[in-house]
């Protein structure tokens, strides 16, 4: 007695092969490509740090400031920035969950708090850059080649050529590049979150009948938070 075996049907087109929307799928494509860019920056950071290990400064000796105090508090302010960004990721999770329930008021509330967290991080990063560029009052002595001779000068803070933290400019350059690139992503995310907040408040998603847009925005925001964890670990802690 023979039994007919049904042949598996392949993907016939017209629908997403992974059972998800094309918007989510392409968001994942974008995040993967962006992750490769950040990975390249962190690998380059590791290479230069190993090459200039003898003169590479320790971040706990550089980032010791905290607003309204002159106490020596290594990485406390950077830890505060990290906490604010991670907390904003929690509120984004709650916004996505409220979207699944089609709870407009809760979506607006949690998106608003996510935006506040993003602004706190950006404002903190601006302050951190200002302190890093301005430097300490005492500065550091560095030799500079001027008019055919070496001249000893005092350098305060950092720019793309000289800094008081190291005899090599690479530490400051990577700080500006890595944290600046990530900060641009956070700024972009805050702008997108504000647009999403307005759309939710105006009832756009209610009229659409779904809150999928919140999920796509949430993916981007979680990615930004995850990348900062790696930046915090490899640049500040190690």
Protein backbone atom coordinates (compact mmCIF):
# COMPACT_ATOMS: atom_id res chain seq x y z
CA UNK A 1 0.00 0.00 0.00
CA UNK A 2 1.55 3.31 -1.06
CA UNK A 3 1.17 6.60 0.70
CA UNK A 4 1.40 9.88 -1.10
CA UNK A 5 3.98 12.22 0.38
CA UNK A 6 3.17 15.89 0.16
CA UNK A 7 5.96 17.91 -1.33
CA UNK A 8 7.04 20.94 0.73
CA UNK A 9 5.96 24.16 -0.82
CA UNK A 10 8.61 26.82 -1.33
CA UNK A 11 8.18 30.52 -0.87
CA UNK A 12 5.93 31.80 -3.61
CA UNK A 13 6.58 35.52 -3.15
CA UNK A 14 4.17 38.28 -2.30
CA UNK A 15 4.64 37.91 1.47
CA UNK A 16 7.57 38.11 3.83
CA UNK A 17 9.41 34.76 3.97
CA UNK A 18 10.09 35.17 7.70
CA UNK A 19 6.55 35.99 8.73
CA UNK A 20 7.39 39.59 9.60
CA UNK A 21 6.76 42.90 7.93
CA UNK A 22 9.16 44.32 5.38
CA UNK A 23 9.65 47.36 7.62
CA UNK A 24 10.98 45.27 10.50
CA UNK A 25 13.08 43.18 8.13
CA UNK A 26 14.82 46.17 6.62
CA UNK A 27 15.31 47.72 10.04
CA UNK A 28 17.23 44.59 11.02
CA UNK A 29 19.31 44.89 7.82
CA UNK A 30 20.16 48.47 8.72
CA UNK A 31 21.05 47.59 12.32
CA UNK A 32 23.33 44.76 11.22
CA UNK A 33 25.21 47.04 8.82
CA UNK A 34 25.45 49.72 11.50
CA UNK A 35 26.74 47.16 13.99
CA UNK A 36 29.56 46.33 11.57
CA UNK A 37 30.54 50.01 11.46
CA UNK A 38 30.68 50.28 15.23
CA UNK A 39 32.58 46.98 15.39
CA UNK A 40 35.20 48.37 13.01
CA UNK A 41 35.63 51.45 15.20
CA UNK A 42 36.04 49.38 18.37
CA UNK A 43 38.49 46.99 16.69
CA UNK A 44 40.55 49.97 15.51
CA UNK A 45 40.42 51.33 19.06
CA UNK A 46 41.75 48.05 20.38
CA UNK A 47 44.55 48.01 17.80
CA UNK A 48 45.78 51.52 18.60
CA UNK A 49 45.42 50.94 22.32
CA UNK A 50 47.66 47.89 22.06
CA UNK A 51 50.15 49.70 19.82
CA UNK A 52 50.47 52.68 22.16
CA UNK A 53 49.91 50.77 25.39
CA UNK A 54 52.81 52.47 27.17
CA UNK A 55 51.42 55.99 26.68
CA UNK A 56 47.69 55.22 26.53
CA UNK A 57 45.97 57.01 29.43
CA UNK A 58 43.65 55.29 31.90
CA UNK A 59 40.10 56.57 31.55
CA UNK A 60 39.58 56.51 35.32
CA UNK A 61 42.29 59.20 35.52
CA UNK A 62 40.69 61.31 32.78
CA UNK A 63 36.95 61.24 33.47
CA UNK A 64 36.87 62.14 37.15
CA UNK A 65 34.63 65.21 37.11
CA UNK A 66 31.06 65.61 38.30
CA UNK A 67 28.90 68.76 38.00
CA UNK A 68 28.92 71.18 40.96
CA UNK A 69 31.71 69.36 42.75
CA UNK A 70 35.51 69.27 42.60
CA UNK A 71 35.76 65.80 44.08
CA UNK A 72 37.75 63.07 42.33
CA UNK A 73 34.99 60.67 41.17
CA UNK A 74 36.29 58.31 38.48
CA UNK A 75 33.66 57.42 35.85
CA UNK A 76 30.74 58.29 38.16
CA UNK A 77 29.32 60.75 35.66
CA UNK A 78 29.78 58.32 32.76
CA UNK A 79 27.99 55.72 34.87
CA UNK A 80 25.12 58.18 35.37
CA UNK A 81 24.90 58.67 31.59
CA UNK A 82 24.82 54.93 31.08
CA UNK A 83 22.10 54.49 33.69
CA UNK A 84 19.93 57.19 32.07
CA UNK A 85 20.24 55.59 28.63
CA UNK A 86 19.49 52.08 29.89
CA UNK A 87 16.49 53.39 31.82
CA UNK A 88 15.20 54.97 28.61
CA UNK A 89 15.43 51.55 26.99
CA UNK A 90 13.15 50.21 29.73
CA UNK A 91 10.57 52.90 29.05
CA UNK A 92 10.77 52.06 25.35
CA UNK A 93 9.98 48.43 26.17
CA UNK A 94 6.92 49.62 28.09
CA UNK A 95 5.89 51.81 25.14
CA UNK A 96 6.09 48.84 22.76
CA UNK A 97 4.12 46.68 25.20
CA UNK A 98 1.45 49.38 25.47
CA UNK A 99 1.32 49.49 21.68
CA UNK A 100 0.58 45.79 21.58
CA UNK A 101 -2.40 46.51 23.83
CA UNK A 102 -3.30 49.55 21.69
CA UNK A 103 -3.22 51.70 24.81
CA UNK A 104 -2.68 55.15 23.32
CA UNK A 105 -2.30 57.04 26.61
CA UNK A 106 0.35 54.65 27.91
CA UNK A 107 2.25 54.79 24.62
CA UNK A 108 2.34 58.57 24.81
CA UNK A 109 3.48 58.46 28.45
CA UNK A 110 6.30 55.96 27.96
CA UNK A 111 7.48 57.53 24.70
CA UNK A 112 7.63 60.89 26.47
CA UNK A 113 9.79 59.43 29.24
CA UNK A 114 12.02 57.77 26.63
CA UNK A 115 12.57 61.16 25.02
CA UNK A 116 13.44 62.66 28.40
CA UNK A 117 16.03 59.92 28.95
CA UNK A 118 17.53 60.59 25.53
CA UNK A 119 17.84 64.31 26.25
CA UNK A 120 19.47 63.60 29.61
CA UNK A 121 22.09 61.45 27.89
CA UNK A 122 22.74 64.01 25.15
CA UNK A 123 23.02 66.86 27.62
CA UNK A 124 25.40 64.81 29.75
CA UNK A 125 27.53 63.99 26.72
CA UNK A 126 27.75 67.67 25.75
CA UNK A 127 28.97 68.47 29.28
CA UNK A 128 31.48 65.61 29.16
CA UNK A 129 32.86 66.82 25.81
CA UNK A 130 33.18 70.35 27.17
CA UNK A 131 35.17 69.18 30.20
CA UNK A 132 37.33 66.90 28.04
CA UNK A 133 38.12 69.70 25.57
CA UNK A 134 38.67 72.34 28.26
CA UNK A 135 40.90 70.10 30.38
CA UNK A 136 42.35 70.69 33.81
CA UNK A 137 43.65 74.09 35.03
CA UNK A 138 47.20 72.79 35.45
CA UNK A 139 47.37 71.09 32.04
CA UNK A 140 50.34 68.99 31.00
CA UNK A 141 53.78 69.75 29.56
CA UNK A 142 54.28 68.58 25.95
CA UNK A 143 57.12 69.04 23.47
CA UNK A 144 56.13 70.65 20.17
CA UNK A 145 58.19 71.21 17.00
CA UNK A 146 58.10 74.96 16.23
CA UNK A 147 60.30 76.80 13.71
CA UNK A 148 62.84 74.03 13.47
CA UNK A 149 63.22 73.33 17.16
CA UNK A 150 61.49 71.51 19.99
CA UNK A 151 59.67 73.79 22.39
CA UNK A 152 58.09 72.68 25.66
CA UNK A 153 54.53 73.97 26.05
CA UNK A 154 51.62 73.47 28.42
CA UNK A 155 48.54 71.91 26.84
CA UNK A 156 45.08 72.12 28.33
CA UNK A 157 42.34 69.70 27.32
CA UNK A 158 42.26 68.06 23.94
CA UNK A 159 41.87 68.64 20.22
CA UNK A 160 42.55 66.50 17.17
CA UNK A 161 46.31 67.21 17.26
CA UNK A 162 47.35 67.66 20.87
CA UNK A 163 45.98 66.80 24.29
CA UNK A 164 47.08 66.89 27.90
CA UNK A 165 46.13 63.26 28.51
CA UNK A 166 48.70 61.54 26.32
CA UNK A 167 51.68 62.27 24.08
CA UNK A 168 49.77 60.59 21.25
CA UNK A 169 46.63 62.23 19.80
CA UNK A 170 44.91 58.90 19.19
CA UNK A 171 43.20 58.68 22.56
CA UNK A 172 41.40 61.99 22.05
CA UNK A 173 40.71 61.23 18.40
CA UNK A 174 38.99 57.96 19.25
CA UNK A 175 37.03 59.68 22.01
CA UNK A 176 35.67 62.27 19.59
CA UNK A 177 35.05 59.72 16.83
CA UNK A 178 33.47 56.86 18.78
CA UNK A 179 31.41 58.84 21.28
CA UNK A 180 30.51 61.43 18.65
CA UNK A 181 29.31 58.79 16.19
CA UNK A 182 27.24 57.17 18.91
CA UNK A 183 25.95 60.55 20.07
CA UNK A 184 24.76 61.26 16.52
CA UNK A 185 22.79 58.01 16.64
CA UNK A 186 21.23 58.99 19.96
CA UNK A 187 20.33 62.42 18.60
CA UNK A 188 18.75 60.81 15.53
CA UNK A 189 16.87 58.42 17.80
CA UNK A 190 15.53 61.28 19.93
CA UNK A 191 14.28 63.06 16.80
CA UNK A 192 12.57 59.88 15.62
CA UNK A 193 11.11 59.34 19.09
CA UNK A 194 9.68 62.87 19.10
CA UNK A 195 8.05 62.24 15.72
CA UNK A 196 6.67 58.95 17.02
CA UNK A 197 5.40 60.65 20.18
CA UNK A 198 3.53 63.25 18.10
CA UNK A 199 2.06 60.56 15.86
CA UNK A 200 0.85 58.59 18.88
CA UNK A 201 -0.58 61.70 20.52
CA UNK A 202 -2.41 62.66 17.31
CA UNK A 203 -3.93 59.17 17.06
CA UNK A 204 -2.19 58.17 13.84
CA UNK A 205 -1.57 54.62 15.04
CA UNK A 206 -5.12 54.31 16.31
CA UNK A 207 -6.41 55.08 12.84
CA UNK A 208 -3.98 52.61 11.31
CA UNK A 209 -5.19 49.94 13.70
CA UNK A 210 -1.72 48.87 14.81
CA UNK A 211 1.42 50.23 16.53
CA UNK A 212 4.06 48.43 14.51
CA UNK A 213 5.93 51.69 13.92
CA UNK A 214 6.65 51.80 17.67
CA UNK A 215 8.28 48.38 17.44
CA UNK A 216 10.58 49.48 14.61
CA UNK A 217 11.58 52.62 16.48
CA UNK A 218 12.13 50.49 19.58
CA UNK A 219 14.53 48.22 17.71
CA UNK A 220 16.67 51.20 16.76
CA UNK A 221 16.62 52.64 20.29
CA UNK A 222 17.58 49.31 21.89
CA UNK A 223 20.43 49.01 19.39
CA UNK A 224 21.72 52.47 20.35
CA UNK A 225 21.62 51.48 24.03
CA UNK A 226 23.39 48.18 23.39
CA UNK A 227 26.16 49.87 21.41
CA UNK A 228 26.76 52.29 24.28
CA UNK A 229 27.29 49.34 26.63
CA UNK A 230 30.13 48.19 24.36
CA UNK A 231 31.55 51.71 24.05
CA UNK A 232 31.39 52.14 27.83
CA UNK A 233 33.12 48.80 28.34
CA UNK A 234 35.90 49.04 25.75
CA UNK A 235 36.70 52.75 25.95
CA UNK A 236 36.07 53.65 29.57
CA UNK A 237 36.45 50.47 31.62
CA UNK A 238 39.18 48.44 29.93
